Amino acid sequence: MEKEYDIIIIGTGTAGRTLAGRAESSGMKFAIIDSREYGGTCPIRGCDPKKVLAGASEATDLNNRLKGKGAGTEEPLKIDWPSLIRFKRTFTEAYSREAEKMFADMGIDMYHGRARFKNENTVIVGNSPGFQCGHGGKRRRAGS
């Protein structure tokens, strides 16, 4: 199935979401492609979950190093990793579904698969025939 788009966004992380939001009101036809879960690395398996895990580790370490120095708990703190991972999943597991719903609500055609360029105007997703982008190869800015 071959389709034509004004814009093809590869990746659903922060940059992809930002571009999709700007392109939504442009009147252009566009699609978004991701080979992994929708939402990008940072909120699902990168920055955000890392901050939770590292924060718990740092707080535990600091408490244990302050014992006998006027602060810290009498008994050393230990991390309950299964509970911490369950907590992390409360905000990471639903993110991909929420991102897909957001794109669907915006009317964006969504594709799951690895994107590659066939030529300067064609993107292929997985084993698809390809998606054409642009108007005869002429570049346009969103909103112009």
N, C-alpha and C. Protein backbone atom coordinates (compact mmCIF):
# COMPACT_ATOMS: atom_id res chain seq x y z
N MET A 1 0.85 -1.17 0.00
CA MET A 1 0.00 0.00 0.00
C MET A 1 0.90 1.24 0.00
N GLU A 2 0.78 2.05 -1.01
CA GLU A 2 1.58 3.25 -1.12
C GLU A 2 0.70 4.45 -0.82
N LYS A 3 1.21 5.35 0.01
CA LYS A 3 0.47 6.55 0.38
C LYS A 3 1.37 7.76 0.23
N GLU A 4 0.74 8.92 0.07
CA GLU A 4 1.51 10.15 -0.02
C GLU A 4 1.25 11.02 1.19
N TYR A 5 2.33 11.63 1.68
CA TYR A 5 2.27 12.51 2.83
C TYR A 5 3.09 13.76 2.57
N ASP A 6 2.69 14.84 3.22
CA ASP A 6 3.50 16.06 3.19
C ASP A 6 4.67 15.93 4.16
N ILE A 7 4.40 15.28 5.29
CA ILE A 7 5.42 15.12 6.33
C ILE A 7 5.38 13.68 6.84
N ILE A 8 6.55 13.09 6.97
CA ILE A 8 6.68 11.79 7.62
C ILE A 8 7.62 11.99 8.80
N ILE A 9 7.11 11.71 9.98
CA ILE A 9 7.89 11.86 11.20
C ILE A 9 8.38 10.48 11.62
N ILE A 10 9.68 10.36 11.82
CA ILE A 10 10.26 9.09 12.25
C ILE A 10 10.66 9.26 13.71
N GLY A 11 9.98 8.51 14.56
CA GLY A 11 10.24 8.57 16.00
C GLY A 11 9.12 9.30 16.72
N THR A 12 8.71 8.76 17.86
CA THR A 12 7.59 9.32 18.61
C THR A 12 8.03 9.90 19.94
N GLY A 13 9.31 10.18 20.06
CA GLY A 13 9.82 10.80 21.28
C GLY A 13 9.48 12.29 21.32
N THR A 14 10.18 13.02 22.13
CA THR A 14 9.89 14.45 22.34
C THR A 14 9.87 15.23 21.04
N ALA A 15 10.88 15.05 20.20
CA ALA A 15 10.93 15.81 18.94
C ALA A 15 9.78 15.42 18.02
N GLY A 16 9.48 14.13 17.92
CA GLY A 16 8.37 13.67 17.08
C GLY A 16 7.04 14.21 17.55
N ARG A 17 6.82 14.18 18.89
CA ARG A 17 5.56 14.70 19.44
C ARG A 17 5.44 16.20 19.21
N THR A 18 6.54 16.92 19.36
CA THR A 18 6.52 18.36 19.15
C THR A 18 6.19 18.70 17.70
N LEU A 19 6.86 18.04 16.76
CA LEU A 19 6.60 18.28 15.35
C LEU A 19 5.17 17.90 14.98
N ALA A 20 4.67 16.78 15.51
CA ALA A 20 3.29 16.37 15.23
C ALA A 20 2.31 17.42 15.73
N GLY A 21 2.55 17.98 16.90
CA GLY A 21 1.68 19.02 17.44
C GLY A 21 1.65 20.25 16.56
N ARG A 22 2.80 20.62 16.02
CA ARG A 22 2.87 21.80 15.14
C ARG A 22 2.24 21.52 13.78
N ALA A 23 2.46 20.31 13.28
CA ALA A 23 1.95 19.96 11.95
C ALA A 23 0.44 19.74 11.95
N GLU A 24 -0.11 19.39 13.11
CA GLU A 24 -1.54 19.06 13.19
C GLU A 24 -2.41 20.19 12.65
N SER A 25 -2.10 21.42 12.98
CA SER A 25 -2.94 22.54 12.55
C SER A 25 -2.54 23.11 11.19
N SER A 26 -1.57 22.49 10.52
CA SER A 26 -1.07 23.03 9.25
C SER A 26 -1.95 22.66 8.05
N GLY A 27 -2.79 21.64 8.22
CA GLY A 27 -3.59 21.18 7.10
C GLY A 27 -2.85 20.20 6.20
N MET A 28 -1.62 19.90 6.54
CA MET A 28 -0.85 18.94 5.76
C MET A 28 -1.19 17.52 6.18
N LYS A 29 -1.00 16.59 5.27
CA LYS A 29 -1.22 15.17 5.57
C LYS A 29 0.12 14.61 6.06
N PHE A 30 0.06 13.96 7.23
CA PHE A 30 1.31 13.43 7.74
C PHE A 30 1.13 12.12 8.48
N ALA A 31 2.26 11.44 8.63
CA ALA A 31 2.31 10.13 9.28
C ALA A 31 3.45 10.13 10.28
N ILE A 32 3.36 9.20 11.24
CA ILE A 32 4.43 9.05 12.22
C ILE A 32 4.78 7.56 12.30
N ILE A 33 6.07 7.28 12.44
CA ILE A 33 6.57 5.90 12.41
C ILE A 33 7.48 5.69 13.62
N ASP A 34 7.36 4.52 14.25
CA ASP A 34 8.30 4.17 15.31
C ASP A 34 8.49 2.66 15.30
N SER A 35 9.72 2.23 15.52
CA SER A 35 10.02 0.80 15.53
C SER A 35 9.88 0.21 16.93
N ARG A 36 9.73 1.07 17.93
CA ARG A 36 9.55 0.60 19.30
C ARG A 36 8.22 1.13 19.82
N GLU A 37 8.02 1.02 21.13
CA GLU A 37 6.78 1.52 21.72
C GLU A 37 6.67 3.01 21.45
N TYR A 38 5.45 3.48 21.20
CA TYR A 38 5.24 4.90 20.98
C TYR A 38 5.49 5.67 22.27
N GLY A 39 6.15 6.80 22.15
CA GLY A 39 6.43 7.66 23.29
C GLY A 39 7.89 8.03 23.44
N GLY A 40 8.77 7.26 22.88
CA GLY A 40 10.18 7.58 22.93
C GLY A 40 10.91 6.97 24.11
N THR A 41 12.20 7.13 24.10
CA THR A 41 13.06 6.53 25.12
C THR A 41 12.91 7.20 26.48
N CYS A 42 12.91 8.51 26.53
CA CYS A 42 12.97 9.22 27.81
C CYS A 42 11.85 8.84 28.77
N PRO A 43 10.58 8.92 28.38
CA PRO A 43 9.54 8.63 29.37
C PRO A 43 9.32 7.14 29.65
N ILE A 44 9.77 6.26 28.76
CA ILE A 44 9.46 4.84 28.93
C ILE A 44 10.61 4.05 29.55
N ARG A 45 11.83 4.27 29.07
CA ARG A 45 12.95 3.46 29.55
C ARG A 45 14.23 4.28 29.74
N GLY A 46 14.10 5.60 29.73
CA GLY A 46 15.29 6.44 29.83
C GLY A 46 15.25 7.39 31.01
N CYS A 47 15.21 8.66 30.71
CA CYS A 47 15.35 9.73 31.69
C CYS A 47 14.40 9.61 32.88
N ASP A 48 13.11 9.50 32.61
CA ASP A 48 12.13 9.54 33.69
C ASP A 48 12.25 8.36 34.65
N PRO A 49 12.24 7.12 34.16
CA PRO A 49 12.40 6.01 35.10
C PRO A 49 13.76 6.01 35.78
N LYS A 50 14.80 6.45 35.06
CA LYS A 50 16.14 6.51 35.65
C LYS A 50 16.15 7.44 36.85
N LYS A 51 15.45 8.57 36.76
CA LYS A 51 15.42 9.51 37.88
C LYS A 51 14.79 8.90 39.12
N VAL A 52 13.75 8.09 38.93
CA VAL A 52 13.11 7.43 40.07
C VAL A 52 14.06 6.43 40.70
N LEU A 53 14.67 5.59 39.88
CA LEU A 53 15.57 4.56 40.40
C LEU A 53 16.83 5.17 41.02
N ALA A 54 17.41 6.13 40.34
CA ALA A 54 18.62 6.78 40.88
C ALA A 54 18.30 7.58 42.13
N GLY A 55 17.14 8.24 42.15
CA GLY A 55 16.75 9.02 43.33
C GLY A 55 16.61 8.15 44.57
N ALA A 56 16.00 7.00 44.43
CA ALA A 56 15.86 6.08 45.57
C ALA A 56 17.22 5.59 46.03
N SER A 57 18.09 5.29 45.08
CA SER A 57 19.43 4.83 45.42
C SER A 57 20.23 5.91 46.14
N GLU A 58 20.15 7.14 45.63
CA GLU A 58 20.89 8.25 46.24
C GLU A 58 20.38 8.55 47.65
N ALA A 59 19.05 8.54 47.83
CA ALA A 59 18.49 8.81 49.16
C ALA A 59 18.91 7.73 50.15
N THR A 60 18.89 6.49 49.71
CA THR A 60 19.29 5.38 50.58
C THR A 60 20.76 5.50 50.95
N ASP A 61 21.59 5.75 49.95
CA ASP A 61 23.03 5.88 50.19
C ASP A 61 23.33 7.05 51.13
N LEU A 62 22.71 8.19 50.89
CA LEU A 62 22.96 9.35 51.74
C LEU A 62 22.55 9.08 53.18
N ASN A 63 21.38 8.48 53.37
CA ASN A 63 20.93 8.15 54.72
C ASN A 63 21.95 7.24 55.40
N ASN A 64 22.40 6.22 54.72
CA ASN A 64 23.32 5.25 55.32
C ASN A 64 24.69 5.86 55.61
N ARG A 65 25.13 6.81 54.81
CA ARG A 65 26.42 7.46 55.06
C ARG A 65 26.35 8.48 56.18
N LEU A 66 25.14 8.99 56.48
CA LEU A 66 24.99 9.99 57.54
C LEU A 66 24.78 9.38 58.94
N LYS A 67 24.62 8.07 59.00
CA LYS A 67 24.43 7.41 60.29
C LYS A 67 25.62 7.71 61.21
N GLY A 68 25.32 8.15 62.41
CA GLY A 68 26.38 8.47 63.38
C GLY A 68 26.97 9.85 63.19
N LYS A 69 26.41 10.62 62.27
CA LYS A 69 26.93 11.97 61.99
C LYS A 69 25.85 13.02 62.25
N GLY A 70 24.89 12.68 63.08
CA GLY A 70 23.83 13.62 63.42
C GLY A 70 22.61 13.52 62.54
N ALA A 71 22.60 12.59 61.62
CA ALA A 71 21.44 12.39 60.75
C ALA A 71 21.43 10.93 60.33
N GLY A 72 20.45 10.56 59.57
CA GLY A 72 20.34 9.17 59.12
C GLY A 72 19.57 8.34 60.12
N THR A 73 19.11 7.20 59.70
CA THR A 73 18.33 6.32 60.56
C THR A 73 19.26 5.37 61.31
N GLU A 74 18.77 4.89 62.45
CA GLU A 74 19.57 3.95 63.25
C GLU A 74 19.90 2.69 62.46
N GLU A 75 18.89 2.13 61.81
CA GLU A 75 19.09 0.94 60.98
C GLU A 75 19.35 1.40 59.54
N PRO A 76 20.28 0.76 58.85
CA PRO A 76 20.53 1.14 57.45
C PRO A 76 19.27 0.93 56.60
N LEU A 77 19.06 1.85 55.68
CA LEU A 77 17.95 1.69 54.74
C LEU A 77 18.35 0.70 53.65
N LYS A 78 17.36 -0.02 53.16
CA LYS A 78 17.56 -0.94 52.04
C LYS A 78 16.47 -0.65 51.02
N ILE A 79 16.80 -0.86 49.78
CA ILE A 79 15.83 -0.64 48.71
C ILE A 79 15.05 -1.93 48.47
N ASP A 80 13.75 -1.80 48.42
CA ASP A 80 12.87 -2.92 48.05
C ASP A 80 12.68 -2.80 46.54
N TRP A 81 13.60 -3.44 45.78
CA TRP A 81 13.61 -3.29 44.32
C TRP A 81 12.30 -3.73 43.67
N PRO A 82 11.70 -4.86 44.06
CA PRO A 82 10.43 -5.22 43.42
C PRO A 82 9.36 -4.13 43.60
N SER A 83 9.29 -3.53 44.79
CA SER A 83 8.30 -2.46 45.01
C SER A 83 8.65 -1.22 44.20
N LEU A 84 9.94 -0.90 44.14
CA LEU A 84 10.37 0.28 43.39
C LEU A 84 10.08 0.11 41.89
N ILE A 85 10.33 -1.07 41.37
CA ILE A 85 10.04 -1.34 39.95
C ILE A 85 8.54 -1.27 39.70
N ARG A 86 7.73 -1.82 40.61
CA ARG A 86 6.26 -1.72 40.46
C ARG A 86 5.84 -0.25 40.43
N PHE A 87 6.43 0.57 41.30
CA PHE A 87 6.11 2.00 41.31
C PHE A 87 6.49 2.65 39.98
N LYS A 88 7.69 2.35 39.48
CA LYS A 88 8.14 2.92 38.21
C LYS A 88 7.16 2.56 37.09
N ARG A 89 6.68 1.34 37.10
CA ARG A 89 5.76 0.90 36.05
C ARG A 89 4.41 1.62 36.10
N THR A 90 4.06 2.21 37.24
CA THR A 90 2.78 2.92 37.31
C THR A 90 2.75 4.10 36.36
N PHE A 91 3.89 4.65 36.02
CA PHE A 91 3.88 5.77 35.07
C PHE A 91 4.56 5.46 33.75
N THR A 92 5.21 4.30 33.61
CA THR A 92 5.82 3.98 32.32
C THR A 92 4.96 3.05 31.47
N GLU A 93 4.23 2.14 32.09
CA GLU A 93 3.49 1.14 31.31
C GLU A 93 2.38 1.73 30.45
N ALA A 94 1.67 2.72 30.93
CA ALA A 94 0.55 3.28 30.17
C ALA A 94 0.98 4.32 29.15
N TYR A 95 2.23 4.77 29.23
CA TYR A 95 2.66 5.90 28.42
C TYR A 95 2.53 5.64 26.92
N SER A 96 2.93 4.46 26.47
CA SER A 96 2.88 4.16 25.04
C SER A 96 1.44 4.19 24.52
N ARG A 97 0.51 3.60 25.26
CA ARG A 97 -0.91 3.62 24.85
C ARG A 97 -1.43 5.06 24.81
N GLU A 98 -1.04 5.86 25.79
CA GLU A 98 -1.48 7.25 25.83
C GLU A 98 -0.92 8.04 24.65
N ALA A 99 0.33 7.77 24.29
CA ALA A 99 0.94 8.45 23.14
C ALA A 99 0.21 8.06 21.85
N GLU A 100 -0.09 6.78 21.68
CA GLU A 100 -0.81 6.34 20.48
C GLU A 100 -2.19 6.98 20.41
N LYS A 101 -2.87 7.05 21.54
CA LYS A 101 -4.20 7.68 21.57
C LYS A 101 -4.10 9.15 21.18
N MET A 102 -3.08 9.84 21.67
CA MET A 102 -2.88 11.25 21.34
C MET A 102 -2.70 11.42 19.83
N PHE A 103 -1.84 10.59 19.22
CA PHE A 103 -1.63 10.68 17.78
C PHE A 103 -2.91 10.34 17.01
N ALA A 104 -3.63 9.33 17.46
CA ALA A 104 -4.89 8.96 16.80
C ALA A 104 -5.89 10.11 16.90
N ASP A 105 -5.99 10.74 18.06
CA ASP A 105 -6.90 11.87 18.24
C ASP A 105 -6.53 13.05 17.36
N MET A 106 -5.24 13.15 17.01
CA MET A 106 -4.78 14.22 16.13
C MET A 106 -5.03 13.88 14.66
N GLY A 107 -5.45 12.66 14.39
CA GLY A 107 -5.71 12.24 13.01
C GLY A 107 -4.46 11.85 12.24
N ILE A 108 -3.42 11.48 12.94
CA ILE A 108 -2.16 11.12 12.30
C ILE A 108 -2.19 9.64 11.92
N ASP A 109 -1.74 9.33 10.71
CA ASP A 109 -1.57 7.93 10.32
C ASP A 109 -0.34 7.41 11.06
N MET A 110 -0.51 6.27 11.75
CA MET A 110 0.57 5.72 12.56
C MET A 110 1.04 4.39 11.97
N TYR A 111 2.35 4.19 12.01
CA TYR A 111 2.93 2.95 11.52
C TYR A 111 3.95 2.44 12.53
N HIS A 112 3.89 1.13 12.77
CA HIS A 112 4.86 0.46 13.63
C HIS A 112 5.82 -0.30 12.74
N GLY A 113 7.10 -0.04 12.90
CA GLY A 113 8.10 -0.75 12.12
C GLY A 113 9.33 0.10 11.93
N ARG A 114 10.34 -0.52 11.37
CA ARG A 114 11.60 0.17 11.13
C ARG A 114 11.50 0.96 9.83
N ALA A 115 11.80 2.23 9.90
CA ALA A 115 11.74 3.10 8.73
C ALA A 115 13.12 3.16 8.06
N ARG A 116 13.07 3.17 6.73
CA ARG A 116 14.32 3.37 5.98
C ARG A 116 13.98 4.16 4.71
N PHE A 117 14.96 4.86 4.20
CA PHE A 117 14.74 5.68 3.02
C PHE A 117 15.04 4.87 1.76
N LYS A 118 14.07 4.87 0.85
CA LYS A 118 14.27 4.24 -0.45
C LYS A 118 14.96 5.23 -1.37
N ASN A 119 14.52 6.49 -1.30
CA ASN A 119 15.13 7.59 -2.04
C ASN A 119 14.78 8.88 -1.30
N GLU A 120 15.05 10.00 -1.90
CA GLU A 120 14.85 11.27 -1.18
C GLU A 120 13.39 11.57 -0.87
N ASN A 121 12.45 10.91 -1.51
CA ASN A 121 11.03 11.17 -1.27
C ASN A 121 10.23 9.96 -0.80
N THR A 122 10.89 8.84 -0.56
CA THR A 122 10.16 7.63 -0.20
C THR A 122 10.74 7.00 1.06
N VAL A 123 9.84 6.72 2.01
CA VAL A 123 10.21 6.04 3.24
C VAL A 123 9.51 4.68 3.22
N ILE A 124 10.26 3.64 3.54
CA ILE A 124 9.71 2.30 3.60
C ILE A 124 9.66 1.88 5.07
N VAL A 125 8.51 1.31 5.47
CA VAL A 125 8.36 0.81 6.83
C VAL A 125 8.27 -0.71 6.76
N GLY A 126 9.20 -1.37 7.39
CA GLY A 126 9.22 -2.83 7.34
C GLY A 126 9.29 -3.31 5.91
N ASN A 127 8.33 -4.14 5.50
CA ASN A 127 8.29 -4.68 4.14
C ASN A 127 7.27 -3.98 3.26
N SER A 128 6.81 -2.79 3.68
CA SER A 128 5.79 -2.07 2.90
C SER A 128 6.38 -1.55 1.60
N PRO A 129 5.51 -1.26 0.59
CA PRO A 129 6.00 -0.70 -0.67
C PRO A 129 6.61 0.69 -0.50
N GLY A 130 6.13 1.47 0.44
CA GLY A 130 6.72 2.78 0.67
C GLY A 130 5.70 3.88 0.78
N PHE A 131 6.12 4.96 1.38
CA PHE A 131 5.28 6.14 1.56
C PHE A 131 6.00 7.31 0.91
N GLN A 132 5.30 8.01 0.05
CA GLN A 132 5.87 9.16 -0.62
C GLN A 132 5.72 10.38 0.28
N CYS A 133 6.73 11.20 0.26
CA CYS A 133 6.69 12.42 1.06
C CYS A 133 6.99 13.61 0.17
N GLY A 134 6.21 14.64 0.32
CA GLY A 134 6.48 15.89 -0.38
C GLY A 134 5.68 16.04 -1.65
N HIS A 135 5.87 17.17 -2.30
CA HIS A 135 5.18 17.50 -3.54
C HIS A 135 6.24 17.60 -4.62
N GLY A 136 6.45 16.48 -5.31
CA GLY A 136 7.47 16.46 -6.35
C GLY A 136 8.86 16.74 -5.83
N GLY A 137 9.08 16.44 -4.57
CA GLY A 137 10.40 16.66 -3.98
C GLY A 137 10.59 18.06 -3.46
N LYS A 138 9.59 18.93 -3.63
CA LYS A 138 9.71 20.31 -3.15
C LYS A 138 9.51 20.34 -1.64
N ARG A 139 10.42 20.95 -0.92
CA ARG A 139 10.32 21.02 0.52
C ARG A 139 9.43 22.18 0.93
N ARG A 140 8.64 21.96 1.99
CA ARG A 140 7.78 23.00 2.53
C ARG A 140 7.97 23.06 4.03
N ARG A 141 7.75 24.22 4.60
CA ARG A 141 7.78 24.36 6.05
C ARG A 141 6.36 24.22 6.57
N ALA A 142 6.21 23.61 7.74
CA ALA A 142 4.89 23.48 8.34
C ALA A 142 4.30 24.86 8.52
N GLY A 143 3.06 25.03 8.12
CA GLY A 143 2.38 26.31 8.29
C GLY A 143 2.59 27.28 7.13
N SER A 144 3.41 26.92 6.14
CA SER A 144 3.62 27.86 5.02
C SER A 144 2.93 27.39 3.77
